[in-house]
Every structure is written in structure tokens, then in C-alpha cells.
Amino acid sequence: LVVRARPLRLTEPGKVLLRYARQMQALRADAARELGTTLARDER
């Protein structure tokens, strides 16, 4: 998923999963807001 270089870069499969990860973070922020809870850190 990641080419371990300087700077590091994502492979094509890594980019696919990054898209999924970003969507999951947004959904988690929505759930926390509806439940009135606080996330460990602000979702980006």
C-alpha cells in the first residue's frame, strides 16, 4: 500500500484504500455528532 521512500507515496491499491479510509472517517464524524460524543481527534 505504501512505497517506503522519502517522501513516501501510496501505491494504486493504497489510493483505493485511502479513499475508503477518508469516507470511513467522515462517517465516523457524522456518527459522533449525532450521538453527541467527542472524537479522539478531529476527523479530517
Full PDB file with SEQRES, HELIX, SHEET, SSBOND, CRYST1, ORIGX, SCALE, CONECT and MASTER records, all heavy atoms in Angstrom:
SEQRES   1 A   44  LEU VAL VAL ARG ALA ARG PRO LEU ARG LEU THR GLU PRO          
SEQRES   2 A   44  GLY LYS VAL LEU LEU ARG TYR ALA ARG GLN MET GLN ALA          
SEQRES   3 A   44  LEU ARG ALA ASP ALA ALA ARG GLU LEU GLY THR THR LEU          
SEQRES   4 A   44  ALA ARG ASP GLU ARG                                          
HELIX    1 AA1 GLU A   12  LEU A   35  1                                  24    
SHEET    1 AA1 2 VAL A   2  VAL A   3  0                                        
SHEET    2 AA1 2 ARG A   9  LEU A  10 -1                                        
CRYST1    1.000    1.000    1.000  90.00  90.00  90.00 P 1           1          
ORIGX1      1.000000  0.000000  0.000000        0.00000                         
ORIGX2      0.000000  1.000000  0.000000        0.00000                         
ORIGX3      0.000000  0.000000  1.000000        0.00000                         
SCALE1      1.000000  0.000000  0.000000        0.00000                         
SCALE2      0.000000  1.000000  0.000000        0.00000                         
SCALE3      0.000000  0.000000  1.000000        0.00000                         
ATOM      1  N   LEU A   1       0.802  -1.225   0.000  1.00  0.00           N  
ATOM      2  CA  LEU A   1       0.000   0.000   0.000  1.00  0.00           C  
ATOM      3  C   LEU A   1       0.833   1.272   0.000  1.00  0.00           C  
ATOM      4  O   LEU A   1       0.369   2.313  -0.469  1.00  0.00           O  
ATOM      5  CB  LEU A   1      -0.933   0.010   1.225  1.00  0.00           C  
ATOM      6  CG  LEU A   1      -1.876  -1.190   1.348  1.00  0.00           C  
ATOM      7  CD1 LEU A   1      -2.699  -1.076   2.622  1.00  0.00           C  
ATOM      8  CD2 LEU A   1      -2.784  -1.303   0.125  1.00  0.00           C  
ATOM      9  N   VAL A   2       2.047   1.188   0.533  1.00  0.00           N  
ATOM     10  CA  VAL A   2       2.902   2.370   0.661  1.00  0.00           C  
ATOM     11  C   VAL A   2       4.297   2.046   0.146  1.00  0.00           C  
ATOM     12  O   VAL A   2       4.858   1.002   0.485  1.00  0.00           O  
ATOM     13  CB  VAL A   2       2.981   2.836   2.136  1.00  0.00           C  
ATOM     14  CG1 VAL A   2       4.014   3.947   2.292  1.00  0.00           C  
ATOM     15  CG2 VAL A   2       1.612   3.308   2.621  1.00  0.00           C  
ATOM     16  N   VAL A   3       4.834   2.915  -0.693  1.00  0.00           N  
ATOM     17  CA  VAL A   3       6.232   2.809  -1.112  1.00  0.00           C  
ATOM     18  C   VAL A   3       7.055   3.533  -0.066  1.00  0.00           C  
ATOM     19  O   VAL A   3       6.939   4.751   0.107  1.00  0.00           O  
ATOM     20  CB  VAL A   3       6.446   3.432  -2.505  1.00  0.00           C  
ATOM     21  CG1 VAL A   3       7.927   3.370  -2.881  1.00  0.00           C  
ATOM     22  CG2 VAL A   3       5.605   2.723  -3.544  1.00  0.00           C  
ATOM     23  N   ARG A   4       7.876   2.785   0.626  1.00  0.00           N  
ATOM     24  CA  ARG A   4       8.638   3.334   1.752  1.00  0.00           C  
ATOM     25  C   ARG A   4       9.866   4.064   1.236  1.00  0.00           C  
ATOM     26  O   ARG A   4      10.957   3.517   1.151  1.00  0.00           O  
ATOM     27  CB  ARG A   4       8.989   2.216   2.731  1.00  0.00           C  
ATOM     28  CG  ARG A   4       7.748   1.642   3.436  1.00  0.00           C  
ATOM     29  CD  ARG A   4       7.976   0.240   3.923  1.00  0.00           C  
ATOM     30  NE  ARG A   4       6.859  -0.287   4.713  1.00  0.00           N  
ATOM     31  CZ  ARG A   4       5.743  -0.780   4.180  1.00  0.00           C  
ATOM     32  NH1 ARG A   4       5.603  -0.803   2.852  1.00  0.00           N  
ATOM     33  NH2 ARG A   4       4.778  -1.254   4.958  1.00  0.00           N  
ATOM     34  N   ALA A   5       9.649   5.305   0.841  1.00  0.00           N  
ATOM     35  CA  ALA A   5      10.706   6.159   0.295  1.00  0.00           C  
ATOM     36  C   ALA A   5      10.602   7.512   0.969  1.00  0.00           C  
ATOM     37  O   ALA A   5       9.789   7.717   1.867  1.00  0.00           O  
ATOM     38  CB  ALA A   5      10.563   6.276  -1.222  1.00  0.00           C  
ATOM     39  N   ARG A   6      11.457   8.430   0.564  1.00  0.00           N  
ATOM     40  CA  ARG A   6      11.408   9.797   1.088  1.00  0.00           C  
ATOM     41  C   ARG A   6      11.184  10.769  -0.073  1.00  0.00           C  
ATOM     42  O   ARG A   6      12.076  10.953  -0.879  1.00  0.00           O  
ATOM     43  CB  ARG A   6      12.720  10.135   1.828  1.00  0.00           C  
ATOM     44  CG  ARG A   6      12.871   9.414   3.148  1.00  0.00           C  
ATOM     45  CD  ARG A   6      14.129   9.911   3.865  1.00  0.00           C  
ATOM     46  NE  ARG A   6      14.300   9.279   5.140  1.00  0.00           N  
ATOM     47  CZ  ARG A   6      13.744   9.707   6.275  1.00  0.00           C  
ATOM     48  NH1 ARG A   6      12.997  10.782   6.250  1.00  0.00           N  
ATOM     49  NH2 ARG A   6      13.950   9.087   7.411  1.00  0.00           N  
ATOM     50  N   PRO A   7      10.019  11.395  -0.183  1.00  0.00           N  
ATOM     51  CA  PRO A   7       8.864  11.171   0.697  1.00  0.00           C  
ATOM     52  C   PRO A   7       8.148   9.877   0.325  1.00  0.00           C  
ATOM     53  O   PRO A   7       8.251   9.417  -0.819  1.00  0.00           O  
ATOM     54  CB  PRO A   7       7.985  12.387   0.423  1.00  0.00           C  
ATOM     55  CG  PRO A   7       8.280  12.729  -1.001  1.00  0.00           C  
ATOM     56  CD  PRO A   7       9.744  12.429  -1.198  1.00  0.00           C  
ATOM     57  N   LEU A   8       7.421   9.301   1.272  1.00  0.00           N  
ATOM     58  CA  LEU A   8       6.684   8.080   0.974  1.00  0.00           C  
ATOM     59  C   LEU A   8       5.529   8.407   0.033  1.00  0.00           C  
ATOM     60  O   LEU A   8       5.052   9.542  -0.036  1.00  0.00           O  
ATOM     61  CB  LEU A   8       6.182   7.405   2.252  1.00  0.00           C  
ATOM     62  CG  LEU A   8       5.153   8.119   3.152  1.00  0.00           C  
ATOM     63  CD1 LEU A   8       3.737   8.007   2.603  1.00  0.00           C  
ATOM     64  CD2 LEU A   8       5.202   7.534   4.545  1.00  0.00           C  
ATOM     65  N   ARG A   9       5.086   7.417  -0.695  1.00  0.00           N  
ATOM     66  CA  ARG A   9       3.949   7.606  -1.595  1.00  0.00           C  
ATOM     67  C   ARG A   9       3.092   6.351  -1.596  1.00  0.00           C  
ATOM     68  O   ARG A   9       3.577   5.248  -1.314  1.00  0.00           O  
ATOM     69  CB  ARG A   9       4.411   7.947  -3.016  1.00  0.00           C  
ATOM     70  CG  ARG A   9       5.194   6.842  -3.717  1.00  0.00           C  
ATOM     71  CD  ARG A   9       5.639   7.300  -5.099  1.00  0.00           C  
ATOM     72  NE  ARG A   9       6.255   6.223  -5.867  1.00  0.00           N  
ATOM     73  CZ  ARG A   9       7.519   5.866  -5.769  1.00  0.00           C  
ATOM     74  NH1 ARG A   9       8.330   6.520  -4.950  1.00  0.00           N  
ATOM     75  NH2 ARG A   9       7.983   4.865  -6.506  1.00  0.00           N  
ATOM     76  N   LEU A  10       1.831   6.535  -1.904  1.00  0.00           N  
ATOM     77  CA  LEU A  10       0.902   5.431  -1.918  1.00  0.00           C  
ATOM     78  C   LEU A  10       0.914   4.732  -3.272  1.00  0.00           C  
ATOM     79  O   LEU A  10       1.044   5.389  -4.319  1.00  0.00           O  
ATOM     80  CB  LEU A  10      -0.523   5.909  -1.614  1.00  0.00           C  
ATOM     81  CG  LEU A  10      -0.957   5.930  -0.140  1.00  0.00           C  
ATOM     82  CD1 LEU A  10      -0.032   6.804   0.694  1.00  0.00           C  
ATOM     83  CD2 LEU A  10      -2.399   6.370  -0.018  1.00  0.00           C  
ATOM     84  N   THR A  11       0.780   3.414  -3.248  1.00  0.00           N  
ATOM     85  CA  THR A  11       0.599   2.654  -4.479  1.00  0.00           C  
ATOM     86  C   THR A  11      -0.838   2.829  -4.958  1.00  0.00           C  
ATOM     87  O   THR A  11      -1.675   3.425  -4.270  1.00  0.00           O  
ATOM     88  CB  THR A  11       0.883   1.168  -4.235  1.00  0.00           C  
ATOM     89  OG1 THR A  11      -0.087   0.661  -3.303  1.00  0.00           O  
ATOM     90  CG2 THR A  11       2.291   0.958  -3.663  1.00  0.00           C  
ATOM     91  N   GLU A  12      -1.154   2.302  -6.138  1.00  0.00           N  
ATOM     92  CA  GLU A  12      -2.526   2.397  -6.635  1.00  0.00           C  
ATOM     93  C   GLU A  12      -3.516   1.698  -5.698  1.00  0.00           C  
ATOM     94  O   GLU A  12      -4.575   2.258  -5.398  1.00  0.00           O  
ATOM     95  CB  GLU A  12      -2.616   1.836  -8.059  1.00  0.00           C  
ATOM     96  CG  GLU A  12      -1.932   2.708  -9.108  1.00  0.00           C  
ATOM     97  CD  GLU A  12      -2.410   4.148  -9.093  1.00  0.00           C  
ATOM     98  OE1 GLU A  12      -3.652   4.355  -9.034  1.00  0.00           O  
ATOM     99  OE2 GLU A  12      -1.584   5.064  -9.128  1.00  0.00           O  
ATOM    100  N   PRO A  13      -3.214   0.472  -5.208  1.00  0.00           N  
ATOM    101  CA  PRO A  13      -4.126  -0.108  -4.200  1.00  0.00           C  
ATOM    102  C   PRO A  13      -4.202   0.738  -2.934  1.00  0.00           C  
ATOM    103  O   PRO A  13      -5.264   0.822  -2.304  1.00  0.00           O  
ATOM    104  CB  PRO A  13      -3.499  -1.484  -3.912  1.00  0.00           C  
ATOM    105  CG  PRO A  13      -2.741  -1.819  -5.144  1.00  0.00           C  
ATOM    106  CD  PRO A  13      -2.192  -0.502  -5.631  1.00  0.00           C  
ATOM    107  N   GLY A  14      -3.089   1.387  -2.562  1.00  0.00           N  
ATOM    108  CA  GLY A  14      -3.103   2.263  -1.396  1.00  0.00           C  
ATOM    109  C   GLY A  14      -4.039   3.441  -1.587  1.00  0.00           C  
ATOM    110  O   GLY A  14      -4.736   3.856  -0.649  1.00  0.00           O  
ATOM    111  N   LYS A  15      -4.107   3.982  -2.805  1.00  0.00           N  
ATOM    112  CA  LYS A  15      -5.002   5.097  -3.088  1.00  0.00           C  
ATOM    113  C   LYS A  15      -6.467   4.666  -2.995  1.00  0.00           C  
ATOM    114  O   LYS A  15      -7.325   5.427  -2.537  1.00  0.00           O  
ATOM    115  CB  LYS A  15      -4.702   5.680  -4.469  1.00  0.00           C  
ATOM    116  CG  LYS A  15      -3.335   6.353  -4.568  1.00  0.00           C  
ATOM    117  CD  LYS A  15      -3.031   6.778  -5.996  1.00  0.00           C  
ATOM    118  CE  LYS A  15      -1.635   7.381  -6.104  1.00  0.00           C  
ATOM    119  NZ  LYS A  15      -1.292   7.755  -7.502  1.00  0.00           N  
ATOM    120  N   VAL A  16      -6.745   3.426  -3.429  1.00  0.00           N  
ATOM    121  CA  VAL A  16      -8.109   2.908  -3.322  1.00  0.00           C  
ATOM    122  C   VAL A  16      -8.523   2.832  -1.853  1.00  0.00           C  
ATOM    123  O   VAL A  16      -9.624   3.262  -1.473  1.00  0.00           O  
ATOM    124  CB  VAL A  16      -8.215   1.520  -3.988  1.00  0.00           C  
ATOM    125  CG1 VAL A  16      -9.579   0.888  -3.698  1.00  0.00           C  
ATOM    126  CG2 VAL A  16      -7.978   1.629  -5.484  1.00  0.00           C  
ATOM    127  N   LEU A  17      -7.640   2.293  -1.017  1.00  0.00           N  
ATOM    128  CA  LEU A  17      -7.974   2.162   0.399  1.00  0.00           C  
ATOM    129  C   LEU A  17      -7.953   3.513   1.109  1.00  0.00           C  
ATOM    130  O   LEU A  17      -8.679   3.703   2.089  1.00  0.00           O  
ATOM    131  CB  LEU A  17      -7.009   1.198   1.087  1.00  0.00           C  
ATOM    132  CG  LEU A  17      -7.199  -0.281   0.732  1.00  0.00           C  
ATOM    133  CD1 LEU A  17      -6.384  -1.167   1.675  1.00  0.00           C  
ATOM    134  CD2 LEU A  17      -8.661  -0.689   0.792  1.00  0.00           C  
ATOM    135  N   LEU A  18      -7.147   4.452   0.639  1.00  0.00           N  
ATOM    136  CA  LEU A  18      -7.169   5.793   1.221  1.00  0.00           C  
ATOM    137  C   LEU A  18      -8.534   6.434   1.009  1.00  0.00           C  
ATOM    138  O   LEU A  18      -9.082   7.069   1.918  1.00  0.00           O  
ATOM    139  CB  LEU A  18      -6.074   6.665   0.606  1.00  0.00           C  
ATOM    140  CG  LEU A  18      -6.081   8.132   1.042  1.00  0.00           C  
ATOM    141  CD1 LEU A  18      -5.846   8.257   2.542  1.00  0.00           C  
ATOM    142  CD2 LEU A  18      -5.036   8.932   0.261  1.00  0.00           C  
ATOM    143  N   ARG A  19      -9.084   6.264  -0.171  1.00  0.00           N  
ATOM    144  CA  ARG A  19     -10.421   6.786  -0.438  1.00  0.00           C  
ATOM    145  C   ARG A  19     -11.443   6.181   0.533  1.00  0.00           C  
ATOM    146  O   ARG A  19     -12.285   6.891   1.088  1.00  0.00           O  
ATOM    147  CB  ARG A  19     -10.802   6.464  -1.887  1.00  0.00           C  
ATOM    148  CG  ARG A  19     -12.116   7.046  -2.322  1.00  0.00           C  
ATOM    149  CD  ARG A  19     -12.262   6.988  -3.836  1.00  0.00           C  
ATOM    150  NE  ARG A  19     -12.335   5.629  -4.346  1.00  0.00           N  
ATOM    151  CZ  ARG A  19     -11.495   5.103  -5.226  1.00  0.00           C  
ATOM    152  NH1 ARG A  19     -10.478   5.809  -5.691  1.00  0.00           N  
ATOM    153  NH2 ARG A  19     -11.655   3.875  -5.660  1.00  0.00           N  
ATOM    154  N   TYR A  20     -11.333   4.883   0.748  1.00  0.00           N  
ATOM    155  CA  TYR A  20     -12.224   4.203   1.687  1.00  0.00           C  
ATOM    156  C   TYR A  20     -12.003   4.722   3.107  1.00  0.00           C  
ATOM    157  O   TYR A  20     -12.963   4.962   3.851  1.00  0.00           O  
ATOM    158  CB  TYR A  20     -11.970   2.703   1.605  1.00  0.00           C  
ATOM    159  CG  TYR A  20     -12.785   1.862   2.554  1.00  0.00           C  
ATOM    160  CD1 TYR A  20     -14.174   1.848   2.494  1.00  0.00           C  
ATOM    161  CD2 TYR A  20     -12.162   1.069   3.509  1.00  0.00           C  
ATOM    162  CE1 TYR A  20     -14.922   1.067   3.358  1.00  0.00           C  
ATOM    163  CE2 TYR A  20     -12.897   0.286   4.381  1.00  0.00           C  
ATOM    164  CZ  TYR A  20     -14.278   0.291   4.304  1.00  0.00           C  
ATOM    165  OH  TYR A  20     -15.009  -0.478   5.158  1.00  0.00           O  
ATOM    166  N   ALA A  21     -10.733   4.922   3.488  1.00  0.00           N  
ATOM    167  CA  ALA A  21     -10.418   5.413   4.831  1.00  0.00           C  
ATOM    168  C   ALA A  21     -10.995   6.805   5.054  1.00  0.00           C  
ATOM    169  O   ALA A  21     -11.541   7.107   6.130  1.00  0.00           O  
ATOM    170  CB  ALA A  21      -8.900   5.425   5.035  1.00  0.00           C  
ATOM    171  N   ARG A  22     -10.872   7.688   4.058  1.00  0.00           N  
ATOM    172  CA  ARG A  22     -11.422   9.041   4.191  1.00  0.00           C  
ATOM    173  C   ARG A  22     -12.943   8.991   4.370  1.00  0.00           C  
ATOM    174  O   ARG A  22     -13.520   9.736   5.167  1.00  0.00           O  
ATOM    175  CB  ARG A  22     -11.080   9.852   2.939  1.00  0.00           C  
ATOM    176  CG  ARG A  22      -9.595  10.138   2.768  1.00  0.00           C  
ATOM    177  CD  ARG A  22      -9.164  11.278   3.628  1.00  0.00           C  
ATOM    178  NE  ARG A  22      -7.778  11.647   3.352  1.00  0.00           N  
ATOM    179  CZ  ARG A  22      -6.824  11.674   4.257  1.00  0.00           C  
ATOM    180  NH1 ARG A  22      -7.091  11.373   5.515  1.00  0.00           N  
ATOM    181  NH2 ARG A  22      -5.598  12.014   3.937  1.00  0.00           N  
ATOM    182  N   GLN A  23     -13.604   8.120   3.622  1.00  0.00           N  
ATOM    183  CA  GLN A  23     -15.047   8.009   3.742  1.00  0.00           C  
ATOM    184  C   GLN A  23     -15.444   7.482   5.120  1.00  0.00           C  
ATOM    185  O   GLN A  23     -16.415   7.959   5.718  1.00  0.00           O  
ATOM    186  CB  GLN A  23     -15.583   7.091   2.639  1.00  0.00           C  
ATOM    187  CG  GLN A  23     -15.404   7.675   1.244  1.00  0.00           C  
ATOM    188  CD  GLN A  23     -15.809   6.699   0.155  1.00  0.00           C  
ATOM    189  OE1 GLN A  23     -16.516   5.732   0.403  1.00  0.00           O  
ATOM    190  NE2 GLN A  23     -15.379   6.957  -1.064  1.00  0.00           N  
ATOM    191  N   MET A  24     -14.682   6.521   5.635  1.00  0.00           N  
ATOM    192  CA  MET A  24     -14.965   5.989   6.962  1.00  0.00           C  
ATOM    193  C   MET A  24     -14.785   7.056   8.041  1.00  0.00           C  
ATOM    194  O   MET A  24     -15.555   7.135   8.995  1.00  0.00           O  
ATOM    195  CB  MET A  24     -14.070   4.787   7.248  1.00  0.00           C  
ATOM    196  CG  MET A  24     -14.382   3.556   6.415  1.00  0.00           C  
ATOM    197  SD  MET A  24     -16.085   2.963   6.645  1.00  0.00           S  
ATOM    198  CE  MET A  24     -16.040   2.513   8.381  1.00  0.00           C  
ATOM    199  N   GLN A  25     -13.759   7.905   7.872  1.00  0.00           N  
ATOM    200  CA  GLN A  25     -13.540   8.980   8.833  1.00  0.00           C  
ATOM    201  C   GLN A  25     -14.713   9.966   8.822  1.00  0.00           C  
ATOM    202  O   GLN A  25     -15.156  10.439   9.876  1.00  0.00           O  
ATOM    203  CB  GLN A  25     -12.229   9.697   8.521  1.00  0.00           C  
ATOM    204  CG  GLN A  25     -10.990   8.880   8.845  1.00  0.00           C  
ATOM    205  CD  GLN A  25      -9.707   9.593   8.463  1.00  0.00           C  
ATOM    206  OE1 GLN A  25      -9.706  10.478   7.607  1.00  0.00           O  
ATOM    207  NE2 GLN A  25      -8.611   9.209   9.080  1.00  0.00           N  
ATOM    208  N   ALA A  26     -15.210  10.283   7.611  1.00  0.00           N  
ATOM    209  CA  ALA A  26     -16.342  11.205   7.516  1.00  0.00           C  
ATOM    210  C   ALA A  26     -17.588  10.600   8.160  1.00  0.00           C  
ATOM    211  O   ALA A  26     -18.334  11.286   8.872  1.00  0.00           O  
ATOM    212  CB  ALA A  26     -16.610  11.548   6.050  1.00  0.00           C  
ATOM    213  N   LEU A  27     -17.815   9.312   7.947  1.00  0.00           N  
ATOM    214  CA  LEU A  27     -18.965   8.640   8.555  1.00  0.00           C  
ATOM    215  C   LEU A  27     -18.831   8.606  10.076  1.00  0.00           C  
ATOM    216  O   LEU A  27     -19.814   8.762  10.811  1.00  0.00           O  
ATOM    217  CB  LEU A  27     -19.093   7.221   8.002  1.00  0.00           C  
ATOM    218  CG  LEU A  27     -19.555   7.111   6.541  1.00  0.00           C  
ATOM    219  CD1 LEU A  27     -19.439   5.668   6.062  1.00  0.00           C  
ATOM    220  CD2 LEU A  27     -20.978   7.615   6.381  1.00  0.00           C  
ATOM    221  N   ARG A  28     -17.603   8.412  10.544  1.00  0.00           N  
ATOM    222  CA  ARG A  28     -17.382   8.374  11.994  1.00  0.00           C  
ATOM    223  C   ARG A  28     -17.656   9.743  12.603  1.00  0.00           C  
ATOM    224  O   ARG A  28     -18.229   9.842  13.695  1.00  0.00           O  
ATOM    225  CB  ARG A  28     -15.947   7.927  12.277  1.00  0.00           C  
ATOM    226  CG  ARG A  28     -15.663   7.645  13.747  1.00  0.00           C  
ATOM    227  CD  ARG A  28     -14.424   6.794  13.887  1.00  0.00           C  
ATOM    228  NE  ARG A  28     -13.274   7.423  13.260  1.00  0.00           N  
ATOM    229  CZ  ARG A  28     -12.280   6.727  12.690  1.00  0.00           C  
ATOM    230  NH1 ARG A  28     -12.311   5.418  12.652  1.00  0.00           N  
ATOM    231  NH2 ARG A  28     -11.257   7.370  12.149  1.00  0.00           N  
ATOM    232  N   ALA A  29     -17.260  10.798  11.904  1.00  0.00           N  
ATOM    233  CA  ALA A  29     -17.542  12.149  12.394  1.00  0.00           C  
ATOM    234  C   ALA A  29     -19.042  12.400  12.447  1.00  0.00           C  
ATOM    235  O   ALA A  29     -19.555  13.007  13.391  1.00  0.00           O  
ATOM    236  CB  ALA A  29     -16.856  13.180  11.496  1.00  0.00           C  
ATOM    237  N   ASP A  30     -19.776  11.922  11.436  1.00  0.00           N  
ATOM    238  CA  ASP A  30     -21.226  12.066  11.439  1.00  0.00           C  
ATOM    239  C   ASP A  30     -21.849  11.333  12.623  1.00  0.00           C  
ATOM    240  O   ASP A  30     -22.735  11.858  13.309  1.00  0.00           O  
ATOM    241  CB  ASP A  30     -21.811  11.512  10.134  1.00  0.00           C  
ATOM    242  CG  ASP A  30     -21.552  12.416   8.948  1.00  0.00           C  
ATOM    243  OD1 ASP A  30     -21.292  13.614   9.166  1.00  0.00           O  
ATOM    244  OD2 ASP A  30     -21.601  11.925   7.810  1.00  0.00           O  
ATOM    245  N   ALA A  31     -21.404  10.077  12.854  1.00  0.00           N  
ATOM    246  CA  ALA A  31     -21.964   9.283  13.949  1.00  0.00           C  
ATOM    247  C   ALA A  31     -21.695   9.936  15.302  1.00  0.00           C  
ATOM    248  O   ALA A  31     -22.580  10.008  16.168  1.00  0.00           O  
ATOM    249  CB  ALA A  31     -21.390   7.870  13.918  1.00  0.00           C  
ATOM    250  N   ALA A  32     -20.461  10.429  15.491  1.00  0.00           N  
ATOM    251  CA  ALA A  32     -20.114  11.078  16.751  1.00  0.00           C  
ATOM    252  C   ALA A  32     -20.959  12.318  16.974  1.00  0.00           C  
ATOM    253  O   ALA A  32     -21.422  12.594  18.093  1.00  0.00           O  
ATOM    254  CB  ALA A  32     -18.636  11.434  16.760  1.00  0.00           C  
ATOM    255  N   ARG A  33     -21.208  13.068  15.903  1.00  0.00           N  
ATOM    256  CA  ARG A  33     -22.016  14.292  16.024  1.00  0.00           C  
ATOM    257  C   ARG A  33     -23.444  13.947  16.414  1.00  0.00           C  
ATOM    258  O   ARG A  33     -24.049  14.610  17.263  1.00  0.00           O  
ATOM    259  CB  ARG A  33     -21.985  15.048  14.691  1.00  0.00           C  
ATOM    260  CG  ARG A  33     -22.716  16.374  14.689  1.00  0.00           C  
ATOM    261  CD  ARG A  33     -22.447  17.108  13.391  1.00  0.00           C  
ATOM    262  NE  ARG A  33     -22.873  16.329  12.261  1.00  0.00           N  
ATOM    263  CZ  ARG A  33     -24.049  16.476  11.640  1.00  0.00           C  
ATOM    264  NH1 ARG A  33     -24.901  17.385  12.074  1.00  0.00           N  
ATOM    265  NH2 ARG A  33     -24.367  15.751  10.605  1.00  0.00           N  
ATOM    266  N   GLU A  34     -24.020  12.921  15.785  1.00  0.00           N  
ATOM    267  CA  GLU A  34     -25.398  12.549  16.103  1.00  0.00           C  
ATOM    268  C   GLU A  34     -25.532  11.976  17.512  1.00  0.00           C  
ATOM    269  O   GLU A  34     -26.562  12.148  18.170  1.00  0.00           O  
ATOM    270  CB  GLU A  34     -25.908  11.537  15.075  1.00  0.00           C  
ATOM    271  CG  GLU A  34     -26.110  12.146  13.687  1.00  0.00           C  
ATOM    272  CD  GLU A  34     -26.890  11.225  12.767  1.00  0.00           C  
ATOM    273  OE1 GLU A  34     -27.779  10.515  13.269  1.00  0.00           O  
ATOM    274  OE2 GLU A  34     -26.610  11.227  11.568  1.00  0.00           O  
ATOM    275  N   LEU A  35     -24.470  11.289  17.971  1.00  0.00           N  
ATOM    276  CA  LEU A  35     -24.518  10.708  19.312  1.00  0.00           C  
ATOM    277  C   LEU A  35     -24.119  11.700  20.396  1.00  0.00           C  
ATOM    278  O   LEU A  35     -24.244  11.414  21.589  1.00  0.00           O  
ATOM    279  CB  LEU A  35     -23.586   9.490  19.378  1.00  0.00           C  
ATOM    280  CG  LEU A  35     -24.004   8.279  18.535  1.00  0.00           C  
ATOM    281  CD1 LEU A  35     -22.898   7.242  18.535  1.00  0.00           C  
ATOM    282  CD2 LEU A  35     -25.309   7.691  19.060  1.00  0.00           C  
ATOM    283  N   GLY A  36     -23.596  12.867  19.982  1.00  0.00           N  
ATOM    284  CA  GLY A  36     -23.169  13.867  20.953  1.00  0.00           C  
ATOM    285  C   GLY A  36     -21.901  13.508  21.674  1.00  0.00           C  
ATOM    286  O   GLY A  36     -21.661  13.968  22.796  1.00  0.00           O  
ATOM    287  N   THR A  37     -21.058  12.670  21.041  1.00  0.00           N  
ATOM    288  CA  THR A  37     -19.797  12.265  21.658  1.00  0.00           C  
ATOM    289  C   THR A  37     -18.642  13.034  21.037  1.00  0.00           C  
ATOM    290  O   THR A  37     -18.781  13.683  20.004  1.00  0.00           O  
ATOM    291  CB  THR A  37     -19.563  10.758  21.482  1.00  0.00           C  
ATOM    292  OG1 THR A  37     -19.560  10.438  20.077  1.00  0.00           O  
ATOM    293  CG2 THR A  37     -20.660   9.964  22.167  1.00  0.00           C  
ATOM    294  N   THR A  38     -17.481  12.937  21.674  1.00  0.00           N  
ATOM    295  CA  THR A  38     -16.289  13.641  21.221  1.00  0.00           C  
ATOM    296  C   THR A  38     -15.284  12.638  20.662  1.00  0.00           C  
ATOM    297  O   THR A  38     -15.007  11.615  21.295  1.00  0.00           O  
ATOM    298  CB  THR A  38     -15.628  14.414  22.376  1.00  0.00           C  
ATOM    299  OG1 THR A  38     -16.586  15.325  22.916  1.00  0.00           O  
ATOM    300  CG2 THR A  38     -14.416  15.187  21.893  1.00  0.00           C  
ATOM    301  N   LEU A  39     -14.755  12.949  19.487  1.00  0.00           N  
ATOM    302  CA  LEU A  39     -13.750  12.093  18.887  1.00  0.00           C  
ATOM    303  C   LEU A  39     -12.386  12.340  19.530  1.00  0.00           C  
ATOM    304  O   LEU A  39     -12.122  13.413  20.081  1.00  0.00           O  
ATOM    305  CB  LEU A  39     -13.657  12.358  17.381  1.00  0.00           C  
ATOM    306  CG  LEU A  39     -14.919  12.027  16.581  1.00  0.00           C  
ATOM    307  CD1 LEU A  39     -14.836  12.654  15.201  1.00  0.00           C  
ATOM    308  CD2 LEU A  39     -15.094  10.523  16.472  1.00  0.00           C  
ATOM    309  N   ALA A  40     -11.509  11.331  19.430  1.00  0.00           N  
ATOM    310  CA  ALA A  40     -10.171  11.472  19.997  1.00  0.00           C  
ATOM    311  C   ALA A  40      -9.420  12.617  19.345  1.00  0.00           C  
ATOM    312  O   ALA A  40      -8.666  13.334  19.987  1.00  0.00           O  
ATOM    313  CB  ALA A  40      -9.401  10.163  19.833  1.00  0.00           C  
ATOM    314  N   ARG A  41      -9.641  12.801  18.052  1.00  0.00           N  
ATOM    315  CA  ARG A  41      -9.081  13.950  17.351  1.00  0.00           C  
ATOM    316  C   ARG A  41     -10.024  14.302  16.219  1.00  0.00           C  
ATOM    317  O   ARG A  41     -10.805  13.467  15.758  1.00  0.00           O  
ATOM    318  CB  ARG A  41      -7.669  13.661  16.819  1.00  0.00           C  
ATOM    319  CG  ARG A  41      -7.593  12.710  15.633  1.00  0.00           C  
ATOM    320  CD  ARG A  41      -6.139  12.439  15.254  1.00  0.00           C  
ATOM    321  NE  ARG A  41      -6.025  11.657  14.034  1.00  0.00           N  
ATOM    322  CZ  ARG A  41      -5.714  12.148  12.838  1.00  0.00           C  
ATOM    323  NH1 ARG A  41      -5.502  13.445  12.710  1.00  0.00           N  
ATOM    324  NH2 ARG A  41      -5.627  11.367  11.782  1.00  0.00           N  
ATOM    325  N   ASP A  42      -9.968  15.559  15.794  1.00  0.00           N  
ATOM    326  CA  ASP A  42     -10.849  15.994  14.723  1.00  0.00           C  
ATOM    327  C   ASP A  42     -10.640  15.148  13.478  1.00  0.00           C  
ATOM    328  O   ASP A  42      -9.496  14.948  13.046  1.00  0.00           O  
ATOM    329  CB  ASP A  42     -10.579  17.465  14.372  1.00  0.00           C  
ATOM    330  CG  ASP A  42     -11.100  18.412  15.427  1.00  0.00           C  
ATOM    331  OD1 ASP A  42     -11.720  17.933  16.384  1.00  0.00           O  
ATOM    332  OD2 ASP A  42     -10.871  19.626  15.282  1.00  0.00           O  
ATOM    333  N   GLU A  43     -11.728  14.640  12.908  1.00  0.00           N  
ATOM    334  CA  GLU A  43     -11.611  13.927  11.647  1.00  0.00           C  
ATOM    335  C   GLU A  43     -11.370  14.934  10.533  1.00  0.00           C  
ATOM    336  O   GLU A  43     -11.964  16.010  10.502  1.00  0.00           O  
ATOM    337  CB  GLU A  43     -12.878  13.116  11.365  1.00  0.00           C  
ATOM    338  CG  GLU A  43     -13.156  12.023  12.380  1.00  0.00           C  
ATOM    339  CD  GLU A  43     -12.146  10.889  12.339  1.00  0.00           C  
ATOM    340  OE1 GLU A  43     -11.173  10.974  11.567  1.00  0.00           O  
ATOM    341  OE2 GLU A  43     -12.321   9.906  13.073  1.00  0.00           O  
ATOM    342  N   ARG A  44     -10.510  14.565   9.625  1.00  0.00           N  
ATOM    343  CA  ARG A  44     -10.132  15.460   8.539  1.00  0.00           C  
ATOM    344  C   ARG A  44     -11.125  15.287   7.393  1.00  0.00           C  
ATOM    345  O   ARG A  44     -11.343  14.183   6.901  1.00  0.00           O  
ATOM    346  CB  ARG A  44      -8.705  15.111   8.097  1.00  0.00           C  
ATOM    347  CG  ARG A  44      -8.132  15.939   6.982  1.00  0.00           C  
ATOM    348  CD  ARG A  44      -6.640  15.646   6.873  1.00  0.00           C  
ATOM    349  NE  ARG A  44      -6.056  16.223   5.684  1.00  0.00           N  
ATOM    350  CZ  ARG A  44      -5.760  15.532   4.589  1.00  0.00           C  
ATOM    351  NH1 ARG A  44      -5.996  14.233   4.561  1.00  0.00           N  
ATOM    352  NH2 ARG A  44      -5.225  16.117   3.550  1.00  0.00           N  
TER     353      ARG A  44                                                      
MASTER        0    0    0    1    2    0    0    6  352    1    0    4          
END                                                                             
